[in-house]
Amino acid sequence: AVTFDQGFSYDREMPFDAQHSVKHMNVFGRMQGTCVH
C-alpha cells in the first residue's frame, strides 16, 4: 500500500531526500507524495 514514482532512481544525488517525492492529490482529496525509499 505504497505510491511509487516510476522515475525514482537510487542513482540520483541524495536519492532518499524528500525533494524527490512527487506531490499529488489522491482521489479522496488528500495530498500525498511518492516513495523515496
PDB file of all heavy atoms in Angstrom:
ATOM      1  N   ALA A   1       0.862  -1.190   0.000  1.00  0.00           N
ATOM      2  CA  ALA A   1       0.000   0.000   0.000  1.00  0.00           C
ATOM      3  C   ALA A   1       0.896   1.237   0.000  1.00  0.00           C
ATOM      4  O   ALA A   1       0.947   2.009   0.964  1.00  0.00           O
ATOM      5  CB  ALA A   1      -0.920  -0.019   1.215  1.00  0.00           C
ATOM      6  N   VAL A   2       1.620   1.406  -1.091  1.00  0.00           N
ATOM      7  CA  VAL A   2       2.588   2.490  -1.242  1.00  0.00           C
ATOM      8  C   VAL A   2       2.443   3.077  -2.642  1.00  0.00           C
ATOM      9  O   VAL A   2       2.224   2.338  -3.610  1.00  0.00           O
ATOM     10  CB  VAL A   2       4.038   1.987  -1.039  1.00  0.00           C
ATOM     11  CG1 VAL A   2       5.043   3.111  -1.273  1.00  0.00           C
ATOM     12  CG2 VAL A   2       4.220   1.411   0.360  1.00  0.00           C
ATOM     13  N   THR A   3       2.581   4.382  -2.748  1.00  0.00           N
ATOM     14  CA  THR A   3       2.541   5.046  -4.048  1.00  0.00           C
ATOM     15  C   THR A   3       3.960   5.293  -4.528  1.00  0.00           C
ATOM     16  O   THR A   3       4.748   5.971  -3.850  1.00  0.00           O
ATOM     17  CB  THR A   3       1.783   6.382  -3.953  1.00  0.00           C
ATOM     18  OG1 THR A   3       0.455   6.133  -3.462  1.00  0.00           O
ATOM     19  CG2 THR A   3       1.699   7.048  -5.314  1.00  0.00           C
ATOM     20  N   PHE A   4       4.310   4.730  -5.682  1.00  0.00           N
ATOM     21  CA  PHE A   4       5.659   4.838  -6.226  1.00  0.00           C
ATOM     22  C   PHE A   4       5.697   5.774  -7.429  1.00  0.00           C
ATOM     23  O   PHE A   4       4.707   5.931  -8.155  1.00  0.00           O
ATOM     24  CB  PHE A   4       6.170   3.461  -6.660  1.00  0.00           C
ATOM     25  CG  PHE A   4       6.396   2.511  -5.524  1.00  0.00           C
ATOM     26  CD1 PHE A   4       5.464   1.505  -5.249  1.00  0.00           C
ATOM     27  CD2 PHE A   4       7.518   2.606  -4.718  1.00  0.00           C
ATOM     28  CE1 PHE A   4       5.658   0.616  -4.210  1.00  0.00           C
ATOM     29  CE2 PHE A   4       7.719   1.716  -3.674  1.00  0.00           C
ATOM     30  CZ  PHE A   4       6.791   0.725  -3.414  1.00  0.00           C
ATOM     31  N   ASP A   5       6.861   6.362  -7.645  1.00  0.00           N
ATOM     32  CA  ASP A   5       7.159   7.126  -8.850  1.00  0.00           C
ATOM     33  C   ASP A   5       8.057   6.260  -9.716  1.00  0.00           C
ATOM     34  O   ASP A   5       9.155   5.881  -9.298  1.00  0.00           O
ATOM     35  CB  ASP A   5       7.865   8.431  -8.461  1.00  0.00           C
ATOM     36  CG  ASP A   5       8.455   9.169  -9.658  1.00  0.00           C
ATOM     37  OD1 ASP A   5       7.978   8.946 -10.788  1.00  0.00           O
ATOM     38  OD2 ASP A   5       9.395   9.968  -9.447  1.00  0.00           O
ATOM     39  N   GLN A   6       7.600   5.908 -10.900  1.00  0.00           N
ATOM     40  CA  GLN A   6       8.384   5.044 -11.776  1.00  0.00           C
ATOM     41  C   GLN A   6       9.730   5.665 -12.134  1.00  0.00           C
ATOM     42  O   GLN A   6      10.672   4.972 -12.523  1.00  0.00           O
ATOM     43  CB  GLN A   6       7.592   4.727 -13.049  1.00  0.00           C
ATOM     44  CG  GLN A   6       6.321   3.918 -12.803  1.00  0.00           C
ATOM     45  CD  GLN A   6       6.588   2.517 -12.299  1.00  0.00           C
ATOM     46  OE1 GLN A   6       7.603   1.919 -12.634  1.00  0.00           O
ATOM     47  NE2 GLN A   6       5.678   1.983 -11.483  1.00  0.00           N
ATOM     48  N   GLY A   7       9.836   6.976 -11.994  1.00  0.00           N
ATOM     49  CA  GLY A   7      11.081   7.654 -12.337  1.00  0.00           C
ATOM     50  C   GLY A   7      12.092   7.711 -11.210  1.00  0.00           C
ATOM     51  O   GLY A   7      13.213   8.199 -11.409  1.00  0.00           O
ATOM     52  N   PHE A   8      11.729   7.198 -10.036  1.00  0.00           N
ATOM     53  CA  PHE A   8      12.674   7.229  -8.919  1.00  0.00           C
ATOM     54  C   PHE A   8      13.896   6.387  -9.243  1.00  0.00           C
ATOM     55  O   PHE A   8      13.807   5.330  -9.868  1.00  0.00           O
ATOM     56  CB  PHE A   8      12.009   6.700  -7.646  1.00  0.00           C
ATOM     57  CG  PHE A   8      12.961   6.543  -6.481  1.00  0.00           C
ATOM     58  CD1 PHE A   8      13.247   7.619  -5.659  1.00  0.00           C
ATOM     59  CD2 PHE A   8      13.589   5.330  -6.237  1.00  0.00           C
ATOM     60  CE1 PHE A   8      14.129   7.477  -4.602  1.00  0.00           C
ATOM     61  CE2 PHE A   8      14.475   5.171  -5.179  1.00  0.00           C
ATOM     62  CZ  PHE A   8      14.754   6.249  -4.357  1.00  0.00           C
ATOM     63  N   SER A   9      15.074   6.835  -8.773  1.00  0.00           N
ATOM     64  CA  SER A   9      16.297   6.076  -9.020  1.00  0.00           C
ATOM     65  C   SER A   9      17.267   6.244  -7.857  1.00  0.00           C
ATOM     66  O   SER A   9      17.423   7.346  -7.317  1.00  0.00           O
ATOM     67  CB  SER A   9      16.973   6.555 -10.315  1.00  0.00           C
ATOM     68  OG  SER A   9      18.249   5.957 -10.452  1.00  0.00           O
ATOM     69  N   TYR A  10      17.931   5.148  -7.503  1.00  0.00           N
ATOM     70  CA  TYR A  10      18.972   5.194  -6.491  1.00  0.00           C
ATOM     71  C   TYR A  10      20.202   5.940  -6.995  1.00  0.00           C
ATOM     72  O   TYR A  10      21.093   6.301  -6.212  1.00  0.00           O
ATOM     73  CB  TYR A  10      19.374   3.771  -6.097  1.00  0.00           C
ATOM     74  CG  TYR A  10      18.507   3.135  -5.040  1.00  0.00           C
ATOM     75  CD1 TYR A  10      17.208   2.726  -5.340  1.00  0.00           C
ATOM     76  CD2 TYR A  10      18.973   2.924  -3.761  1.00  0.00           C
ATOM     77  CE1 TYR A  10      16.416   2.133  -4.382  1.00  0.00           C
ATOM     78  CE2 TYR A  10      18.184   2.326  -2.790  1.00  0.00           C
ATOM     79  CZ  TYR A  10      16.901   1.934  -3.105  1.00  0.00           C
ATOM     80  OH  TYR A  10      16.106   1.355  -2.143  1.00  0.00           O
ATOM     81  N   ASP A  11      20.279   6.167  -8.302  1.00  0.00           N
ATOM     82  CA  ASP A  11      21.455   6.816  -8.893  1.00  0.00           C
ATOM     83  C   ASP A  11      21.435   8.330  -8.741  1.00  0.00           C
ATOM     84  O   ASP A  11      22.429   8.994  -9.045  1.00  0.00           O
ATOM     85  CB  ASP A  11      21.553   6.465 -10.381  1.00  0.00           C
ATOM     86  CG  ASP A  11      21.777   4.977 -10.601  1.00  0.00           C
ATOM     87  OD1 ASP A  11      22.407   4.351  -9.720  1.00  0.00           O
ATOM     88  OD2 ASP A  11      21.313   4.456 -11.624  1.00  0.00           O
ATOM     89  N   ARG A  12      20.318   8.862  -8.270  1.00  0.00           N
ATOM     90  CA  ARG A  12      20.248  10.312  -8.082  1.00  0.00           C
ATOM     91  C   ARG A  12      21.161  10.755  -6.932  1.00  0.00           C
ATOM     92  O   ARG A  12      21.486   9.981  -6.033  1.00  0.00           O
ATOM     93  CB  ARG A  12      18.823  10.736  -7.740  1.00  0.00           C
ATOM     94  CG  ARG A  12      17.833  10.580  -8.859  1.00  0.00           C
ATOM     95  CD  ARG A  12      16.441  10.871  -8.341  1.00  0.00           C
ATOM     96  NE  ARG A  12      15.444  10.892  -9.393  1.00  0.00           N
ATOM     97  CZ  ARG A  12      14.135  10.917  -9.184  1.00  0.00           C
ATOM     98  NH1 ARG A  12      13.667  10.899  -7.942  1.00  0.00           N
ATOM     99  NH2 ARG A  12      13.286  10.946 -10.196  1.00  0.00           N
ATOM    100  N   GLU A  13      21.520  12.025  -6.948  1.00  0.00           N
ATOM    101  CA  GLU A  13      22.209  12.597  -5.803  1.00  0.00           C
ATOM    102  C   GLU A  13      21.210  12.719  -4.651  1.00  0.00           C
ATOM    103  O   GLU A  13      20.095  13.176  -4.838  1.00  0.00           O
ATOM    104  CB  GLU A  13      22.766  13.973  -6.158  1.00  0.00           C
ATOM    105  CG  GLU A  13      23.575  14.607  -5.037  1.00  0.00           C
ATOM    106  CD  GLU A  13      24.168  15.947  -5.441  1.00  0.00           C
ATOM    107  OE1 GLU A  13      24.031  16.318  -6.631  1.00  0.00           O
ATOM    108  OE2 GLU A  13      24.753  16.613  -4.575  1.00  0.00           O
ATOM    109  N   MET A  14      21.578  12.239  -3.464  1.00  0.00           N
ATOM    110  CA  MET A  14      20.697  12.237  -2.292  1.00  0.00           C
ATOM    111  C   MET A  14      19.332  11.650  -2.649  1.00  0.00           C
ATOM    112  O   MET A  14      18.285  12.300  -2.531  1.00  0.00           O
ATOM    113  CB  MET A  14      20.529  13.654  -1.740  1.00  0.00           C
ATOM    114  CG  MET A  14      21.825  14.298  -1.272  1.00  0.00           C
ATOM    115  SD  MET A  14      21.600  16.024  -0.769  1.00  0.00           S
ATOM    116  CE  MET A  14      20.456  15.825   0.608  1.00  0.00           C
ATOM    117  N   PRO A  15      19.295  10.395  -3.104  1.00  0.00           N
ATOM    118  CA  PRO A  15      18.043   9.817  -3.627  1.00  0.00           C
ATOM    119  C   PRO A  15      16.920   9.732  -2.603  1.00  0.00           C
ATOM    120  O   PRO A  15      15.747   9.740  -2.981  1.00  0.00           O
ATOM    121  CB  PRO A  15      18.470   8.420  -4.075  1.00  0.00           C
ATOM    122  CG  PRO A  15      19.684   8.107  -3.267  1.00  0.00           C
ATOM    123  CD  PRO A  15      20.390   9.417  -3.106  1.00  0.00           C
ATOM    124  N   PHE A  16      17.260   9.642  -1.312  1.00  0.00           N
ATOM    125  CA  PHE A  16      16.234   9.432  -0.292  1.00  0.00           C
ATOM    126  C   PHE A  16      15.689  10.741   0.273  1.00  0.00           C
ATOM    127  O   PHE A  16      14.895  10.718   1.216  1.00  0.00           O
ATOM    128  CB  PHE A  16      16.798   8.571   0.843  1.00  0.00           C
ATOM    129  CG  PHE A  16      17.567   7.377   0.358  1.00  0.00           C
ATOM    130  CD1 PHE A  16      18.910   7.214   0.671  1.00  0.00           C
ATOM    131  CD2 PHE A  16      16.953   6.421  -0.446  1.00  0.00           C
ATOM    132  CE1 PHE A  16      19.619   6.117   0.206  1.00  0.00           C
ATOM    133  CE2 PHE A  16      17.649   5.330  -0.918  1.00  0.00           C
ATOM    134  CZ  PHE A  16      18.991   5.183  -0.594  1.00  0.00           C
ATOM    135  N   ASP A  17      16.111  11.834  -0.286  1.00  0.00           N
ATOM    136  CA  ASP A  17      15.651  13.133   0.188  1.00  0.00           C
ATOM    137  C   ASP A  17      14.214  13.391  -0.256  1.00  0.00           C
ATOM    138  O   ASP A  17      13.807  13.023  -1.362  1.00  0.00           O
ATOM    139  CB  ASP A  17      16.557  14.243  -0.344  1.00  0.00           C
ATOM    140  CG  ASP A  17      16.338  15.555   0.376  1.00  0.00           C
ATOM    141  OD1 ASP A  17      15.395  16.288  -0.019  1.00  0.00           O
ATOM    142  OD2 ASP A  17      17.081  15.853   1.325  1.00  0.00           O
ATOM    143  N   ALA A  18      13.443  14.035   0.588  1.00  0.00           N
ATOM    144  CA  ALA A  18      12.024  14.297   0.305  1.00  0.00           C
ATOM    145  C   ALA A  18      11.814  15.152  -0.932  1.00  0.00           C
ATOM    146  O   ALA A  18      10.718  15.144  -1.512  1.00  0.00           O
ATOM    147  CB  ALA A  18      11.380  14.969   1.513  1.00  0.00           C
ATOM    148  N   GLN A  19      12.847  15.877  -1.374  1.00  0.00           N
ATOM    149  CA  GLN A  19      12.705  16.732  -2.564  1.00  0.00           C
ATOM    150  C   GLN A  19      12.359  15.915  -3.813  1.00  0.00           C
ATOM    151  O   GLN A  19      11.808  16.450  -4.781  1.00  0.00           O
ATOM    152  CB  GLN A  19      13.997  17.507  -2.806  1.00  0.00           C
ATOM    153  CG  GLN A  19      15.183  16.620  -3.165  1.00  0.00           C
ATOM    154  CD  GLN A  19      16.449  17.396  -3.447  1.00  0.00           C
ATOM    155  OE1 GLN A  19      16.419  18.399  -4.152  1.00  0.00           O
ATOM    156  NE2 GLN A  19      17.566  16.947  -2.878  1.00  0.00           N
ATOM    157  N   HIS A  20      12.655  14.608  -3.791  1.00  0.00           N
ATOM    158  CA  HIS A  20      12.386  13.773  -4.964  1.00  0.00           C
ATOM    159  C   HIS A  20      10.980  13.182  -4.952  1.00  0.00           C
ATOM    160  O   HIS A  20      10.588  12.494  -5.904  1.00  0.00           O
ATOM    161  CB  HIS A  20      13.408  12.640  -5.045  1.00  0.00           C
ATOM    162  CG  HIS A  20      14.814  13.103  -5.220  1.00  0.00           C
ATOM    163  ND1 HIS A  20      15.211  13.883  -6.275  1.00  0.00           N
ATOM    164  CD2 HIS A  20      15.926  12.907  -4.440  1.00  0.00           C
ATOM    165  CE1 HIS A  20      16.513  14.145  -6.169  1.00  0.00           C
ATOM    166  NE2 HIS A  20      16.963  13.564  -5.068  1.00  0.00           N
ATOM    167  N   SER A  21      10.211  13.415  -3.897  1.00  0.00           N
ATOM    168  CA  SER A  21       8.851  12.887  -3.824  1.00  0.00           C
ATOM    169  C   SER A  21       7.922  13.741  -4.684  1.00  0.00           C
ATOM    170  O   SER A  21       7.914  14.971  -4.589  1.00  0.00           O
ATOM    171  CB  SER A  21       8.374  12.897  -2.371  1.00  0.00           C
ATOM    172  OG  SER A  21       7.076  12.379  -2.250  1.00  0.00           O
ATOM    173  N   VAL A  22       7.127  13.081  -5.509  1.00  0.00           N
ATOM    174  CA  VAL A  22       6.213  13.784  -6.420  1.00  0.00           C
ATOM    175  C   VAL A  22       4.869  13.982  -5.719  1.00  0.00           C
ATOM    176  O   VAL A  22       4.168  13.012  -5.390  1.00  0.00           O
ATOM    177  CB  VAL A  22       6.023  12.990  -7.726  1.00  0.00           C
ATOM    178  CG1 VAL A  22       5.048  13.722  -8.652  1.00  0.00           C
ATOM    179  CG2 VAL A  22       7.364  12.758  -8.406  1.00  0.00           C
ATOM    180  N   LYS A  23       4.499  15.224  -5.488  1.00  0.00           N
ATOM    181  CA  LYS A  23       3.259  15.526  -4.785  1.00  0.00           C
ATOM    182  C   LYS A  23       2.058  15.404  -5.718  1.00  0.00           C
ATOM    183  O   LYS A  23       2.124  15.741  -6.896  1.00  0.00           O
ATOM    184  CB  LYS A  23       3.301  16.952  -4.214  1.00  0.00           C
ATOM    185  CG  LYS A  23       4.421  17.185  -3.212  1.00  0.00           C
ATOM    186  CD  LYS A  23       4.249  16.329  -1.975  1.00  0.00           C
ATOM    187  CE  LYS A  23       5.342  16.554  -0.953  1.00  0.00           C
ATOM    188  NZ  LYS A  23       5.230  15.654   0.208  1.00  0.00           N
ATOM    189  N   HIS A  24       0.948  14.906  -5.149  1.00  0.00           N
ATOM    190  CA  HIS A  24      -0.282  14.768  -5.936  1.00  0.00           C
ATOM    191  C   HIS A  24      -1.474  14.694  -4.989  1.00  0.00           C
ATOM    192  O   HIS A  24      -1.335  14.332  -3.816  1.00  0.00           O
ATOM    193  CB  HIS A  24      -0.233  13.511  -6.802  1.00  0.00           C
ATOM    194  CG  HIS A  24      -0.144  12.244  -6.008  1.00  0.00           C
ATOM    195  ND1 HIS A  24       1.036  11.792  -5.447  1.00  0.00           N
ATOM    196  CD2 HIS A  24      -1.084  11.325  -5.654  1.00  0.00           C
ATOM    197  CE1 HIS A  24       0.819  10.672  -4.796  1.00  0.00           C
ATOM    198  NE2 HIS A  24      -0.461  10.363  -4.898  1.00  0.00           N
ATOM    199  N   MET A  25      -2.636  15.037  -5.492  1.00  0.00           N
ATOM    200  CA  MET A  25      -3.875  14.925  -4.723  1.00  0.00           C
ATOM    201  C   MET A  25      -4.500  13.575  -5.023  1.00  0.00           C
ATOM    202  O   MET A  25      -4.713  13.221  -6.188  1.00  0.00           O
ATOM    203  CB  MET A  25      -4.838  16.047  -5.111  1.00  0.00           C
ATOM    204  CG  MET A  25      -6.080  16.124  -4.233  1.00  0.00           C
ATOM    205  SD  MET A  25      -5.745  16.806  -2.596  1.00  0.00           S
ATOM    206  CE  MET A  25      -5.409  18.529  -3.028  1.00  0.00           C
ATOM    207  N   ASN A  26      -4.765  12.780  -3.973  1.00  0.00           N
ATOM    208  CA  ASN A  26      -5.364  11.476  -4.231  1.00  0.00           C
ATOM    209  C   ASN A  26      -6.866  11.608  -4.478  1.00  0.00           C
ATOM    210  O   ASN A  26      -7.436  12.701  -4.373  1.00  0.00           O
ATOM    211  CB  ASN A  26      -5.039  10.474  -3.107  1.00  0.00           C
ATOM    212  CG  ASN A  26      -5.786  10.749  -1.802  1.00  0.00           C
ATOM    213  OD1 ASN A  26      -6.776  11.470  -1.744  1.00  0.00           O
ATOM    214  ND2 ASN A  26      -5.306  10.144  -0.722  1.00  0.00           N
ATOM    215  N   VAL A  27      -7.525  10.501  -4.785  1.00  0.00           N
ATOM    216  CA  VAL A  27      -8.934  10.556  -5.186  1.00  0.00           C
ATOM    217  C   VAL A  27      -9.854  10.916  -4.033  1.00  0.00           C
ATOM    218  O   VAL A  27     -11.023  11.227  -4.240  1.00  0.00           O
ATOM    219  CB  VAL A  27      -9.389   9.207  -5.804  1.00  0.00           C
ATOM    220  CG1 VAL A  27      -8.618   8.929  -7.086  1.00  0.00           C
ATOM    221  CG2 VAL A  27      -9.225   8.063  -4.815  1.00  0.00           C
ATOM    222  N   PHE A  28      -9.322  10.912  -2.813  1.00  0.00           N
ATOM    223  CA  PHE A  28     -10.132  11.266  -1.646  1.00  0.00           C
ATOM    224  C   PHE A  28      -9.853  12.685  -1.164  1.00  0.00           C
ATOM    225  O   PHE A  28     -10.281  13.079  -0.081  1.00  0.00           O
ATOM    226  CB  PHE A  28      -9.884  10.258  -0.521  1.00  0.00           C
ATOM    227  CG  PHE A  28     -10.085   8.834  -0.947  1.00  0.00           C
ATOM    228  CD1 PHE A  28      -9.010   7.995  -1.171  1.00  0.00           C
ATOM    229  CD2 PHE A  28     -11.371   8.337  -1.165  1.00  0.00           C
ATOM    230  CE1 PHE A  28      -9.196   6.685  -1.591  1.00  0.00           C
ATOM    231  CE2 PHE A  28     -11.573   7.031  -1.595  1.00  0.00           C
ATOM    232  CZ  PHE A  28     -10.478   6.209  -1.806  1.00  0.00           C
ATOM    233  N   GLY A  29      -9.116  13.430  -1.989  1.00  0.00           N
ATOM    234  CA  GLY A  29      -8.869  14.831  -1.671  1.00  0.00           C
ATOM    235  C   GLY A  29      -7.771  15.065  -0.655  1.00  0.00           C
ATOM    236  O   GLY A  29      -7.732  16.122  -0.017  1.00  0.00           O
ATOM    237  N   ARG A  30      -6.849  14.118  -0.497  1.00  0.00           N
ATOM    238  CA  ARG A  30      -5.745  14.277   0.439  1.00  0.00           C
ATOM    239  C   ARG A  30      -4.427  14.332  -0.320  1.00  0.00           C
ATOM    240  O   ARG A  30      -4.192  13.547  -1.244  1.00  0.00           O
ATOM    241  CB  ARG A  30      -5.715  13.130   1.458  1.00  0.00           C
ATOM    242  CG  ARG A  30      -6.986  12.983   2.292  1.00  0.00           C
ATOM    243  CD  ARG A  30      -7.276  14.228   3.129  1.00  0.00           C
ATOM    244  NE  ARG A  30      -8.392  14.017   4.035  1.00  0.00           N
ATOM    245  CZ  ARG A  30      -9.665  14.275   3.755  1.00  0.00           C
ATOM    246  NH1 ARG A  30      -9.985  14.740   2.541  1.00  0.00           N
ATOM    247  NH2 ARG A  30     -10.615  14.080   4.657  1.00  0.00           N
ATOM    248  N   MET A  31      -3.564  15.257   0.072  1.00  0.00           N
ATOM    249  CA  MET A  31      -2.278  15.413  -0.582  1.00  0.00           C
ATOM    250  C   MET A  31      -1.322  14.300  -0.154  1.00  0.00           C
ATOM    251  O   MET A  31      -1.213  13.986   1.026  1.00  0.00           O
ATOM    252  CB  MET A  31      -1.668  16.771  -0.226  1.00  0.00           C
ATOM    253  CG  MET A  31      -0.409  17.115  -1.010  1.00  0.00           C
ATOM    254  SD  MET A  31      -0.697  17.249  -2.804  1.00  0.00           S
ATOM    255  CE  MET A  31      -1.677  18.763  -2.858  1.00  0.00           C
ATOM    256  N   GLN A  32      -0.676  13.689  -1.129  1.00  0.00           N
ATOM    257  CA  GLN A  32       0.320  12.657  -0.875  1.00  0.00           C
ATOM    258  C   GLN A  32       1.555  12.901  -1.724  1.00  0.00           C
ATOM    259  O   GLN A  32       1.557  13.762  -2.606  1.00  0.00           O
ATOM    260  CB  GLN A  32      -0.247  11.262  -1.179  1.00  0.00           C
ATOM    261  CG  GLN A  32      -1.340  10.790  -0.229  1.00  0.00           C
ATOM    262  CD  GLN A  32      -1.628   9.309  -0.372  1.00  0.00           C
ATOM    263  OE1 GLN A  32      -2.723   8.926  -0.755  1.00  0.00           O
ATOM    264  NE2 GLN A  32      -0.646   8.465  -0.053  1.00  0.00           N
ATOM    265  N   GLY A  33       2.599  12.098  -1.445  1.00  0.00           N
ATOM    266  CA  GLY A  33       3.794  12.114  -2.257  1.00  0.00           C
ATOM    267  C   GLY A  33       4.100  10.720  -2.746  1.00  0.00           C
ATOM    268  O   GLY A  33       3.350   9.770  -2.491  1.00  0.00           O
ATOM    269  N   THR A  34       5.215  10.562  -3.457  1.00  0.00           N
ATOM    270  CA  THR A  34       5.657   9.245  -3.909  1.00  0.00           C
ATOM    271  C   THR A  34       6.858   8.805  -3.077  1.00  0.00           C
ATOM    272  O   THR A  34       7.569   9.620  -2.492  1.00  0.00           O
ATOM    273  CB  THR A  34       6.037   9.258  -5.394  1.00  0.00           C
ATOM    274  OG1 THR A  34       7.025  10.279  -5.623  1.00  0.00           O
ATOM    275  CG2 THR A  34       4.815   9.547  -6.256  1.00  0.00           C
ATOM    276  N   CYS A  35       7.083   7.501  -3.054  1.00  0.00           N
ATOM    277  CA  CYS A  35       8.088   6.907  -2.184  1.00  0.00           C
ATOM    278  C   CYS A  35       9.502   7.293  -2.607  1.00  0.00           C
ATOM    279  O   CYS A  35       9.846   7.234  -3.794  1.00  0.00           O
ATOM    280  CB  CYS A  35       7.937   5.383  -2.206  1.00  0.00           C
ATOM    281  SG  CYS A  35       9.116   4.500  -1.180  1.00  0.00           S
ATOM    282  N   VAL A  36      10.315   7.671  -1.611  1.00  0.00           N
ATOM    283  CA  VAL A  36      11.734   7.959  -1.856  1.00  0.00           C
ATOM    284  C   VAL A  36      12.630   6.967  -1.110  1.00  0.00           C
ATOM    285  O   VAL A  36      13.818   7.226  -0.895  1.00  0.00           O
ATOM    286  CB  VAL A  36      12.099   9.410  -1.478  1.00  0.00           C
ATOM    287  CG1 VAL A  36      11.437  10.392  -2.428  1.00  0.00           C
ATOM    288  CG2 VAL A  36      11.744   9.709  -0.021  1.00  0.00           C
ATOM    289  N   HIS A  37      12.053   5.834  -0.701  1.00  0.00           N
ATOM    290  CA  HIS A  37      12.830   4.738  -0.109  1.00  0.00           C
ATOM    291  C   HIS A  37      13.583   5.152   1.155  1.00  0.00           C
ATOM    292  O   HIS A  37      14.665   4.630   1.448  1.00  0.00           O
ATOM    293  CB  HIS A  37      13.810   4.160  -1.135  1.00  0.00           C
ATOM    294  CG  HIS A  37      13.157   3.409  -2.249  1.00  0.00           C
ATOM    295  ND1 HIS A  37      13.455   2.099  -2.553  1.00  0.00           N
ATOM    296  CD2 HIS A  37      12.200   3.769  -3.160  1.00  0.00           C
ATOM    297  CE1 HIS A  37      12.726   1.690  -3.583  1.00  0.00           C
ATOM    298  NE2 HIS A  37      11.953   2.701  -3.970  1.00  0.00           N
TER     299      HIS A  37
END
